[in-house]
């Protein structure tokens, strides 16, 4: 659990630091964006009031989204406590939990998740923005799929 905790704290901190730097130091806002690696990467301000890519942003309750994120974090922690996992799965869980808690923190402070990364390619303009926490959540979930093991499968002898 030390590995999970350390990675969760680092991912949380990296997300919050990146948001602070891009929004408050570089001054990215609704009227000002920065082309970092055009046309692939730009910093573009976004307020996500829903889930990924703003889905359900009109009708979703901030508190419902916070409760769902916290329930997922607790579920992952319970699963790891109940069924010990390899270190890579623990590290993946740390990424997922750190990212999820960083987005929960945003919702508590701002009422929405602050997003600033926009990626486009090959002449296709992507209208969506995301943040570093979203990358950690995705990487953590993917890591749990690939590196976590199912305790029921080992009991069946397969």
N, C-alpha and C. Protein backbone atom coordinates (compact mmCIF):
# COMPACT_ATOMS: atom_id res chain seq x y z
N UNK A 1 0.81 -1.20 0.00
CA UNK A 1 0.00 0.00 0.00
C UNK A 1 0.85 1.27 0.00
N UNK A 2 2.13 1.15 0.39
CA UNK A 2 3.01 2.31 0.37
C UNK A 2 3.21 2.80 -1.07
N UNK A 3 3.40 1.88 -1.98
CA UNK A 3 3.58 2.23 -3.39
C UNK A 3 2.34 2.93 -3.92
N UNK A 4 1.18 2.35 -3.65
CA UNK A 4 -0.08 2.93 -4.10
C UNK A 4 -0.22 4.36 -3.54
N UNK A 5 0.02 4.53 -2.26
CA UNK A 5 -0.13 5.84 -1.62
C UNK A 5 0.83 6.87 -2.23
N UNK A 6 2.08 6.47 -2.41
CA UNK A 6 3.08 7.39 -2.96
C UNK A 6 2.70 7.82 -4.38
N UNK A 7 2.29 6.88 -5.19
CA UNK A 7 1.92 7.20 -6.57
C UNK A 7 0.65 8.04 -6.60
N UNK A 8 -0.31 7.76 -5.73
CA UNK A 8 -1.54 8.56 -5.68
C UNK A 8 -1.22 10.00 -5.30
N UNK A 9 -0.36 10.20 -4.31
CA UNK A 9 0.00 11.56 -3.88
C UNK A 9 0.74 12.30 -4.99
N UNK A 10 1.68 11.63 -5.65
CA UNK A 10 2.45 12.26 -6.73
C UNK A 10 1.53 12.61 -7.90
N UNK A 11 0.63 11.68 -8.28
CA UNK A 11 -0.26 11.98 -9.41
C UNK A 11 -1.20 13.14 -9.08
N UNK A 12 -1.73 13.15 -7.88
CA UNK A 12 -2.59 14.25 -7.45
C UNK A 12 -1.82 15.58 -7.56
N UNK A 13 -0.60 15.59 -7.01
CA UNK A 13 0.20 16.81 -7.00
C UNK A 13 0.57 17.25 -8.42
N UNK A 14 0.98 16.33 -9.27
CA UNK A 14 1.34 16.68 -10.65
C UNK A 14 0.15 17.28 -11.40
N UNK A 15 -1.03 16.74 -11.19
CA UNK A 15 -2.21 17.29 -11.85
C UNK A 15 -2.48 18.70 -11.36
N UNK A 16 -2.50 18.91 -10.06
CA UNK A 16 -2.81 20.23 -9.52
C UNK A 16 -1.75 21.26 -9.89
N UNK A 17 -0.49 20.86 -9.88
CA UNK A 17 0.59 21.77 -10.27
C UNK A 17 0.46 22.14 -11.74
N UNK A 18 0.18 21.15 -12.60
CA UNK A 18 0.05 21.44 -14.03
C UNK A 18 -1.10 22.41 -14.29
N UNK A 19 -2.21 22.23 -13.61
CA UNK A 19 -3.35 23.13 -13.78
C UNK A 19 -2.99 24.54 -13.32
N UNK A 20 -2.33 24.64 -12.19
CA UNK A 20 -1.95 25.95 -11.68
C UNK A 20 -1.01 26.67 -12.66
N UNK A 21 -0.01 25.94 -13.15
CA UNK A 21 0.96 26.55 -14.06
C UNK A 21 0.31 27.01 -15.37
N UNK A 22 -0.51 26.15 -15.95
CA UNK A 22 -1.11 26.48 -17.25
C UNK A 22 -2.15 27.60 -17.11
N UNK A 23 -2.99 27.52 -16.10
CA UNK A 23 -4.06 28.51 -15.97
C UNK A 23 -3.57 29.81 -15.34
N UNK A 24 -2.83 29.73 -14.25
CA UNK A 24 -2.48 30.94 -13.50
C UNK A 24 -1.13 31.54 -13.90
N UNK A 25 -0.18 30.73 -14.29
CA UNK A 25 1.13 31.27 -14.66
C UNK A 25 1.18 31.60 -16.15
N UNK A 26 0.78 30.66 -17.00
CA UNK A 26 0.78 30.91 -18.45
C UNK A 26 -0.42 31.73 -18.90
N UNK A 27 -1.47 31.77 -18.10
CA UNK A 27 -2.62 32.61 -18.38
C UNK A 27 -3.58 32.06 -19.42
N UNK A 28 -3.61 30.75 -19.60
CA UNK A 28 -4.58 30.18 -20.54
C UNK A 28 -5.98 30.45 -20.00
N UNK A 29 -6.85 30.94 -20.88
CA UNK A 29 -8.21 31.27 -20.47
C UNK A 29 -9.16 30.97 -21.62
N UNK A 30 -10.43 31.27 -21.41
CA UNK A 30 -11.42 31.03 -22.46
C UNK A 30 -11.09 31.84 -23.72
N UNK A 31 -10.38 32.95 -23.56
CA UNK A 31 -10.07 33.79 -24.72
C UNK A 31 -8.61 33.68 -25.16
N UNK A 32 -7.79 32.89 -24.47
CA UNK A 32 -6.38 32.78 -24.82
C UNK A 32 -5.93 31.33 -24.74
N UNK A 33 -5.45 30.78 -25.85
CA UNK A 33 -4.91 29.43 -25.87
C UNK A 33 -3.47 29.48 -26.35
N UNK A 34 -2.72 28.42 -26.08
CA UNK A 34 -1.32 28.36 -26.47
C UNK A 34 -1.10 27.13 -27.33
N UNK A 35 -0.55 27.32 -28.52
CA UNK A 35 -0.15 26.21 -29.36
C UNK A 35 1.20 25.71 -28.87
N UNK A 36 1.21 24.51 -28.30
CA UNK A 36 2.44 23.95 -27.74
C UNK A 36 3.21 23.20 -28.82
N UNK A 37 2.56 22.31 -29.50
CA UNK A 37 3.13 21.52 -30.59
C UNK A 37 2.10 21.47 -31.72
N UNK A 38 1.91 22.58 -32.41
CA UNK A 38 0.83 22.62 -33.40
C UNK A 38 1.05 21.60 -34.52
N UNK A 39 0.04 20.96 -35.01
CA UNK A 39 -1.36 21.03 -34.61
C UNK A 39 -1.71 19.96 -33.58
N UNK A 40 -0.70 19.24 -33.06
CA UNK A 40 -0.97 18.10 -32.18
C UNK A 40 -1.42 18.49 -30.78
N UNK A 41 -0.76 19.44 -30.18
CA UNK A 41 -1.05 19.76 -28.77
C UNK A 41 -1.18 21.26 -28.58
N UNK A 42 -2.28 21.63 -27.93
CA UNK A 42 -2.45 23.03 -27.54
C UNK A 42 -3.06 23.06 -26.14
N UNK A 43 -2.76 24.14 -25.44
CA UNK A 43 -3.40 24.38 -24.15
C UNK A 43 -4.62 25.23 -24.43
N UNK A 44 -5.78 24.69 -24.08
CA UNK A 44 -7.05 25.38 -24.29
C UNK A 44 -7.88 25.21 -23.03
N UNK A 45 -8.38 26.29 -22.51
CA UNK A 45 -9.13 26.29 -21.26
C UNK A 45 -10.46 25.55 -21.41
N UNK A 46 -10.81 24.77 -20.40
CA UNK A 46 -12.10 24.09 -20.40
C UNK A 46 -12.59 23.84 -18.99
N UNK A 47 -13.90 23.92 -18.83
CA UNK A 47 -14.55 23.62 -17.56
C UNK A 47 -15.45 22.42 -17.79
N UNK A 48 -15.07 21.28 -17.24
CA UNK A 48 -15.84 20.05 -17.43
C UNK A 48 -16.80 19.87 -16.26
N UNK A 49 -18.07 20.03 -16.54
CA UNK A 49 -19.10 19.89 -15.51
C UNK A 49 -19.74 18.51 -15.53
N UNK A 50 -19.30 17.66 -16.45
CA UNK A 50 -19.84 16.30 -16.56
C UNK A 50 -18.75 15.28 -16.30
N UNK A 51 -18.86 14.15 -17.01
CA UNK A 51 -17.82 13.13 -16.92
C UNK A 51 -16.88 13.34 -18.11
N UNK A 52 -16.16 12.33 -18.52
CA UNK A 52 -15.20 12.48 -19.61
C UNK A 52 -15.79 13.20 -20.81
N UNK A 53 -15.00 14.11 -21.36
CA UNK A 53 -15.37 14.89 -22.53
C UNK A 53 -16.67 15.67 -22.31
N UNK A 54 -17.01 15.97 -21.06
CA UNK A 54 -18.19 16.78 -20.77
C UNK A 54 -19.51 16.05 -20.89
N UNK A 55 -19.48 14.72 -21.07
CA UNK A 55 -20.73 13.97 -21.17
C UNK A 55 -21.56 14.16 -19.90
N UNK A 56 -22.83 14.29 -20.06
CA UNK A 56 -23.78 14.49 -18.96
C UNK A 56 -23.52 15.78 -18.18
N UNK A 57 -22.86 16.74 -18.83
CA UNK A 57 -22.51 18.00 -18.18
C UNK A 57 -23.71 18.87 -17.86
N UNK A 58 -24.80 18.68 -18.58
CA UNK A 58 -25.97 19.53 -18.34
C UNK A 58 -26.80 19.06 -17.16
N UNK A 59 -26.89 17.74 -16.98
CA UNK A 59 -27.80 17.25 -15.96
C UNK A 59 -27.12 16.59 -14.77
N UNK A 60 -25.82 16.41 -14.82
CA UNK A 60 -25.13 15.68 -13.74
C UNK A 60 -24.93 16.59 -12.53
N UNK A 61 -25.18 16.04 -11.39
CA UNK A 61 -24.96 16.76 -10.14
C UNK A 61 -23.48 16.67 -9.77
N UNK A 62 -22.91 17.79 -9.33
CA UNK A 62 -21.52 17.80 -8.89
C UNK A 62 -21.34 16.79 -7.77
N UNK A 63 -22.30 16.75 -6.84
CA UNK A 63 -22.16 15.86 -5.69
C UNK A 63 -22.30 14.40 -6.10
N UNK A 64 -23.14 14.12 -7.07
CA UNK A 64 -23.26 12.75 -7.56
C UNK A 64 -21.95 12.30 -8.19
N UNK A 65 -21.34 13.16 -9.00
CA UNK A 65 -20.06 12.81 -9.63
C UNK A 65 -18.95 12.64 -8.59
N UNK A 66 -18.97 13.45 -7.57
CA UNK A 66 -17.98 13.31 -6.49
C UNK A 66 -18.19 11.98 -5.77
N UNK A 67 -19.43 11.65 -5.45
CA UNK A 67 -19.72 10.39 -4.76
C UNK A 67 -19.34 9.17 -5.60
N UNK A 68 -19.60 9.23 -6.89
CA UNK A 68 -19.23 8.12 -7.78
C UNK A 68 -17.71 7.94 -7.81
N UNK A 69 -16.98 9.04 -7.94
CA UNK A 69 -15.52 8.97 -7.96
C UNK A 69 -14.97 8.41 -6.65
N UNK A 70 -15.53 8.87 -5.53
CA UNK A 70 -15.07 8.37 -4.23
C UNK A 70 -15.42 6.89 -4.04
N UNK A 71 -16.59 6.49 -4.52
CA UNK A 71 -17.00 5.08 -4.42
C UNK A 71 -16.07 4.19 -5.24
N UNK A 72 -15.67 4.66 -6.42
CA UNK A 72 -14.74 3.89 -7.24
C UNK A 72 -13.39 3.77 -6.54
N UNK A 73 -12.91 4.86 -5.97
CA UNK A 73 -11.63 4.82 -5.23
C UNK A 73 -11.70 3.84 -4.07
N UNK A 74 -12.79 3.91 -3.31
CA UNK A 74 -12.95 2.98 -2.18
C UNK A 74 -13.08 1.53 -2.66
N UNK A 75 -13.78 1.32 -3.77
CA UNK A 75 -13.91 -0.02 -4.33
C UNK A 75 -12.57 -0.60 -4.75
N UNK A 76 -11.73 0.22 -5.37
CA UNK A 76 -10.40 -0.23 -5.79
C UNK A 76 -9.56 -0.55 -4.56
N UNK A 77 -9.62 0.32 -3.55
CA UNK A 77 -8.86 0.06 -2.31
C UNK A 77 -9.33 -1.22 -1.62
N UNK A 78 -10.62 -1.43 -1.56
CA UNK A 78 -11.15 -2.65 -0.95
C UNK A 78 -10.68 -3.88 -1.73
N UNK A 79 -10.75 -3.81 -3.05
CA UNK A 79 -10.32 -4.92 -3.89
C UNK A 79 -8.84 -5.25 -3.64
N UNK A 80 -8.00 -4.22 -3.53
CA UNK A 80 -6.58 -4.44 -3.27
C UNK A 80 -6.33 -5.00 -1.88
N UNK A 81 -7.14 -4.55 -0.92
CA UNK A 81 -6.99 -5.04 0.44
C UNK A 81 -7.43 -6.51 0.52
N UNK A 82 -8.53 -6.81 -0.13
CA UNK A 82 -9.11 -8.16 -0.09
C UNK A 82 -8.31 -9.16 -0.91
N UNK A 83 -7.83 -8.73 -2.06
CA UNK A 83 -7.09 -9.59 -2.98
C UNK A 83 -5.77 -8.91 -3.34
N UNK A 84 -4.73 -9.18 -2.55
CA UNK A 84 -3.43 -8.53 -2.82
C UNK A 84 -3.01 -8.71 -4.29
N UNK A 85 -2.48 -7.64 -4.86
CA UNK A 85 -2.14 -7.59 -6.27
C UNK A 85 -0.65 -7.34 -6.46
N UNK A 86 -0.12 -7.65 -7.65
CA UNK A 86 1.29 -7.35 -7.95
C UNK A 86 1.57 -5.85 -7.88
N UNK A 87 2.84 -5.51 -7.80
CA UNK A 87 3.24 -4.10 -7.65
C UNK A 87 2.76 -3.23 -8.81
N UNK A 88 2.78 -3.75 -10.02
CA UNK A 88 2.32 -2.95 -11.16
C UNK A 88 0.82 -2.64 -11.05
N UNK A 89 0.06 -3.56 -10.52
CA UNK A 89 -1.37 -3.30 -10.31
C UNK A 89 -1.55 -2.28 -9.20
N UNK A 90 -0.75 -2.35 -8.16
CA UNK A 90 -0.82 -1.37 -7.08
C UNK A 90 -0.45 0.02 -7.59
N UNK A 91 0.59 0.09 -8.42
CA UNK A 91 1.00 1.37 -9.01
C UNK A 91 -0.12 1.92 -9.90
N UNK A 92 -0.75 1.05 -10.66
CA UNK A 92 -1.86 1.46 -11.52
C UNK A 92 -3.01 2.00 -10.69
N UNK A 93 -3.30 1.33 -9.59
CA UNK A 93 -4.36 1.79 -8.69
C UNK A 93 -4.01 3.16 -8.12
N UNK A 94 -2.75 3.39 -7.83
CA UNK A 94 -2.31 4.70 -7.33
C UNK A 94 -2.54 5.79 -8.35
N UNK A 95 -2.27 5.50 -9.63
CA UNK A 95 -2.53 6.48 -10.69
C UNK A 95 -4.02 6.79 -10.77
N UNK A 96 -4.84 5.73 -10.78
CA UNK A 96 -6.29 5.91 -10.90
C UNK A 96 -6.84 6.71 -9.72
N UNK A 97 -6.45 6.36 -8.52
CA UNK A 97 -6.96 7.02 -7.32
C UNK A 97 -6.45 8.46 -7.23
N UNK A 98 -5.17 8.68 -7.50
CA UNK A 98 -4.63 10.04 -7.46
C UNK A 98 -5.31 10.95 -8.47
N UNK A 99 -5.51 10.44 -9.69
CA UNK A 99 -6.20 11.23 -10.71
C UNK A 99 -7.64 11.51 -10.35
N UNK A 100 -8.33 10.49 -9.86
CA UNK A 100 -9.74 10.67 -9.50
C UNK A 100 -9.88 11.67 -8.36
N UNK A 101 -9.00 11.60 -7.37
CA UNK A 101 -9.09 12.53 -6.25
C UNK A 101 -8.71 13.96 -6.67
N UNK A 102 -7.83 14.10 -7.63
CA UNK A 102 -7.49 15.43 -8.15
C UNK A 102 -8.71 16.05 -8.83
N UNK A 103 -9.45 15.25 -9.58
CA UNK A 103 -10.67 15.78 -10.22
C UNK A 103 -11.76 16.05 -9.18
N UNK A 104 -11.84 15.23 -8.14
CA UNK A 104 -12.79 15.48 -7.04
C UNK A 104 -12.43 16.81 -6.37
N UNK A 105 -11.16 17.03 -6.14
CA UNK A 105 -10.71 18.28 -5.53
C UNK A 105 -11.16 19.48 -6.37
N UNK A 106 -10.98 19.39 -7.70
CA UNK A 106 -11.44 20.46 -8.58
C UNK A 106 -12.93 20.71 -8.42
N UNK A 107 -13.71 19.64 -8.40
CA UNK A 107 -15.17 19.80 -8.27
C UNK A 107 -15.53 20.47 -6.94
N UNK A 108 -14.81 20.13 -5.89
CA UNK A 108 -15.07 20.74 -4.59
C UNK A 108 -14.70 22.22 -4.57
N UNK A 109 -13.59 22.57 -5.21
CA UNK A 109 -13.09 23.95 -5.19
C UNK A 109 -13.82 24.83 -6.20
N UNK A 110 -13.97 24.34 -7.44
CA UNK A 110 -14.51 25.16 -8.52
C UNK A 110 -15.96 24.83 -8.90
N UNK A 111 -16.40 23.62 -8.58
CA UNK A 111 -17.72 23.17 -9.04
C UNK A 111 -17.65 22.48 -10.38
N UNK A 112 -16.46 22.35 -10.93
CA UNK A 112 -16.22 21.68 -12.21
C UNK A 112 -14.76 21.22 -12.23
N UNK A 113 -14.41 20.40 -13.22
CA UNK A 113 -13.03 19.96 -13.38
C UNK A 113 -12.36 20.87 -14.40
N UNK A 114 -11.21 21.38 -14.04
CA UNK A 114 -10.45 22.26 -14.90
C UNK A 114 -9.68 21.41 -15.91
N UNK A 115 -9.88 21.67 -17.20
CA UNK A 115 -9.20 20.96 -18.27
C UNK A 115 -8.41 21.95 -19.10
N UNK A 116 -7.31 21.47 -19.71
CA UNK A 116 -6.51 22.40 -20.53
C UNK A 116 -5.77 21.74 -21.68
N UNK A 117 -5.77 20.43 -21.78
CA UNK A 117 -5.04 19.75 -22.86
C UNK A 117 -5.99 19.48 -24.03
N UNK A 118 -5.56 19.85 -25.21
CA UNK A 118 -6.34 19.60 -26.42
C UNK A 118 -5.40 19.01 -27.46
N UNK A 119 -5.80 17.88 -28.00
CA UNK A 119 -4.98 17.22 -29.02
C UNK A 119 -5.79 17.02 -30.30
N UNK A 120 -5.19 17.40 -31.41
CA UNK A 120 -5.81 17.23 -32.72
C UNK A 120 -4.75 16.64 -33.65
N UNK A 121 -5.22 16.08 -34.73
CA UNK A 121 -4.28 15.47 -35.66
C UNK A 121 -4.89 15.34 -37.04
N UNK A 122 -4.04 15.37 -37.98
CA UNK A 122 -4.36 14.97 -39.35
C UNK A 122 -5.52 15.76 -39.95
N UNK A 123 -5.60 17.03 -39.65
CA UNK A 123 -6.65 17.87 -40.20
C UNK A 123 -7.98 17.77 -39.48
N UNK A 124 -8.05 16.96 -38.43
CA UNK A 124 -9.29 16.81 -37.66
C UNK A 124 -9.15 17.67 -36.40
N UNK A 125 -10.03 18.63 -36.26
CA UNK A 125 -10.02 19.53 -35.10
C UNK A 125 -10.81 18.90 -33.96
N UNK A 126 -10.13 18.51 -32.90
CA UNK A 126 -10.76 17.91 -31.73
C UNK A 126 -11.28 19.01 -30.81
N UNK A 127 -12.57 19.06 -30.54
CA UNK A 127 -13.11 20.12 -29.69
C UNK A 127 -12.97 19.86 -28.19
N UNK A 128 -12.53 18.66 -27.82
CA UNK A 128 -12.52 18.28 -26.41
C UNK A 128 -11.19 18.59 -25.74
N UNK A 129 -11.26 18.86 -24.43
CA UNK A 129 -10.07 19.09 -23.62
C UNK A 129 -10.09 18.10 -22.45
N UNK A 130 -8.92 17.86 -21.92
CA UNK A 130 -8.78 16.96 -20.77
C UNK A 130 -7.63 17.47 -19.92
N UNK A 131 -7.30 16.75 -18.86
CA UNK A 131 -6.22 17.20 -17.99
C UNK A 131 -5.29 16.03 -17.65
N UNK A 132 -4.27 16.32 -16.87
CA UNK A 132 -3.28 15.31 -16.50
C UNK A 132 -3.92 14.21 -15.65
N UNK A 133 -4.87 14.58 -14.79
CA UNK A 133 -5.56 13.58 -13.97
C UNK A 133 -6.29 12.57 -14.85
N UNK A 134 -6.89 13.04 -15.94
CA UNK A 134 -7.58 12.13 -16.85
C UNK A 134 -6.61 11.11 -17.46
N UNK A 135 -5.40 11.56 -17.76
CA UNK A 135 -4.37 10.64 -18.28
C UNK A 135 -4.05 9.59 -17.23
N UNK A 136 -3.88 10.03 -15.98
CA UNK A 136 -3.57 9.10 -14.90
C UNK A 136 -4.72 8.10 -14.67
N UNK A 137 -5.95 8.58 -14.72
CA UNK A 137 -7.11 7.70 -14.54
C UNK A 137 -7.15 6.64 -15.64
N UNK A 138 -6.97 7.07 -16.87
CA UNK A 138 -7.00 6.14 -18.00
C UNK A 138 -5.85 5.14 -17.90
N UNK A 139 -4.64 5.63 -17.64
CA UNK A 139 -3.47 4.74 -17.53
C UNK A 139 -3.64 3.78 -16.35
N UNK A 140 -4.17 4.27 -15.24
CA UNK A 140 -4.38 3.42 -14.07
C UNK A 140 -5.40 2.33 -14.33
N UNK A 141 -6.50 2.69 -14.97
CA UNK A 141 -7.53 1.68 -15.29
C UNK A 141 -6.99 0.64 -16.26
N UNK A 142 -6.25 1.10 -17.26
CA UNK A 142 -5.65 0.18 -18.22
C UNK A 142 -4.65 -0.74 -17.53
N UNK A 143 -3.85 -0.16 -16.63
CA UNK A 143 -2.88 -0.95 -15.87
C UNK A 143 -3.55 -2.00 -15.00
N UNK A 144 -4.68 -1.67 -14.40
CA UNK A 144 -5.39 -2.65 -13.58
C UNK A 144 -5.91 -3.80 -14.44
N UNK A 145 -6.35 -3.48 -15.65
CA UNK A 145 -6.83 -4.52 -16.56
C UNK A 145 -5.69 -5.46 -16.93
N UNK A 146 -4.52 -4.91 -17.25
CA UNK A 146 -3.41 -5.73 -17.73
C UNK A 146 -2.59 -6.37 -16.61
N UNK A 147 -2.44 -5.69 -15.47
CA UNK A 147 -1.54 -6.19 -14.43
C UNK A 147 -2.25 -6.76 -13.21
N UNK A 148 -3.53 -6.47 -13.04
CA UNK A 148 -4.28 -7.04 -11.92
C UNK A 148 -4.63 -8.49 -12.22
N UNK A 149 -4.75 -9.26 -11.18
CA UNK A 149 -5.15 -10.64 -11.43
C UNK A 149 -6.48 -10.92 -10.72
N UNK A 150 -7.22 -11.81 -11.32
CA UNK A 150 -8.53 -12.19 -10.81
C UNK A 150 -8.35 -13.35 -9.84
N UNK A 151 -8.63 -13.17 -8.56
CA UNK A 151 -8.45 -14.24 -7.58
C UNK A 151 -9.35 -15.44 -7.86
N UNK A 152 -10.48 -15.23 -8.48
CA UNK A 152 -11.38 -16.35 -8.79
C UNK A 152 -10.78 -17.25 -9.86
N UNK A 153 -10.04 -16.68 -10.79
CA UNK A 153 -9.44 -17.48 -11.87
C UNK A 153 -8.38 -18.43 -11.31
N UNK A 154 -7.61 -17.98 -10.30
CA UNK A 154 -6.58 -18.85 -9.73
C UNK A 154 -7.19 -19.98 -8.91
N UNK A 155 -8.39 -19.79 -8.35
CA UNK A 155 -9.05 -20.84 -7.60
C UNK A 155 -9.61 -21.92 -8.51
N UNK A 156 -9.95 -21.55 -9.74
CA UNK A 156 -10.50 -22.52 -10.69
C UNK A 156 -9.42 -23.39 -11.30
N UNK A 157 -8.17 -23.00 -11.10
CA UNK A 157 -7.09 -23.79 -11.67
C UNK A 157 -6.78 -23.43 -13.12
N UNK A 158 -7.25 -22.27 -13.57
CA UNK A 158 -6.98 -21.86 -14.95
C UNK A 158 -5.92 -20.81 -14.98
